[in-house]
Amino acid sequence: MQKITIDAGLSCPNRNGTISTGGCIYCNARGSGSGAHAKGLSVTDQIIQGKRALSKRYKAKKFIAYFQSFSNTYGPFDRLKNLYEQALAIENVVGLSIGTRPDCVNEPILKLLQGYADNYLVWIEYGLQSANDSTLAFINRGHDVTCFKKAVHATRSSKRKKSPPA
């Protein structure tokens, strides 16, 4: 199993003016991504190319779509849902790994992702570049440690309770 890095062309509140326009101190203009979206590659195209390369190099048979660049829960709900479902519709894609910021998750997104977790692997990767609020301010992160803790708690709380066997 291998992760296929996806550039979905999303943004970040720390770049688009919602929080800031400069981004974090370490993030480049492509959000540390590949730039594949800017080259016109759809999520489907990126996965197909990734599958081909990773199958050849590592003999991978299963894949996880890794939405990596920028904040991949930051956007209109319907657009995010469409992007995730494009990835999951491709043969041998068995899950999603979604990189995001702790201040870019909400209940509808968590419920959507939890719904996928019934049939797929779902990983949420929250960027916490420091557990020190003054460092987070220095690197222009735009959130604090409490925000991270709240996001993790909300994510854990969104897990569905399995019904006991009948």
Foldseek 3Di string as FASTA:
>chain_A
DEEQEDAAPDAACCCPVVQHNPAFQPADPFQPGDCVVVVVAHLLNSVVVRCVVCCVPPVDQAYEYEHHGYALLADDPVSSLVNQVSQVVDPRHAYYEGEHALVRDDDVVLLSQLVSVVGGDYHYHHDDPDQDQVVCVVRSVRDHNVSVVVSVVSNVVSHDDDDPDD
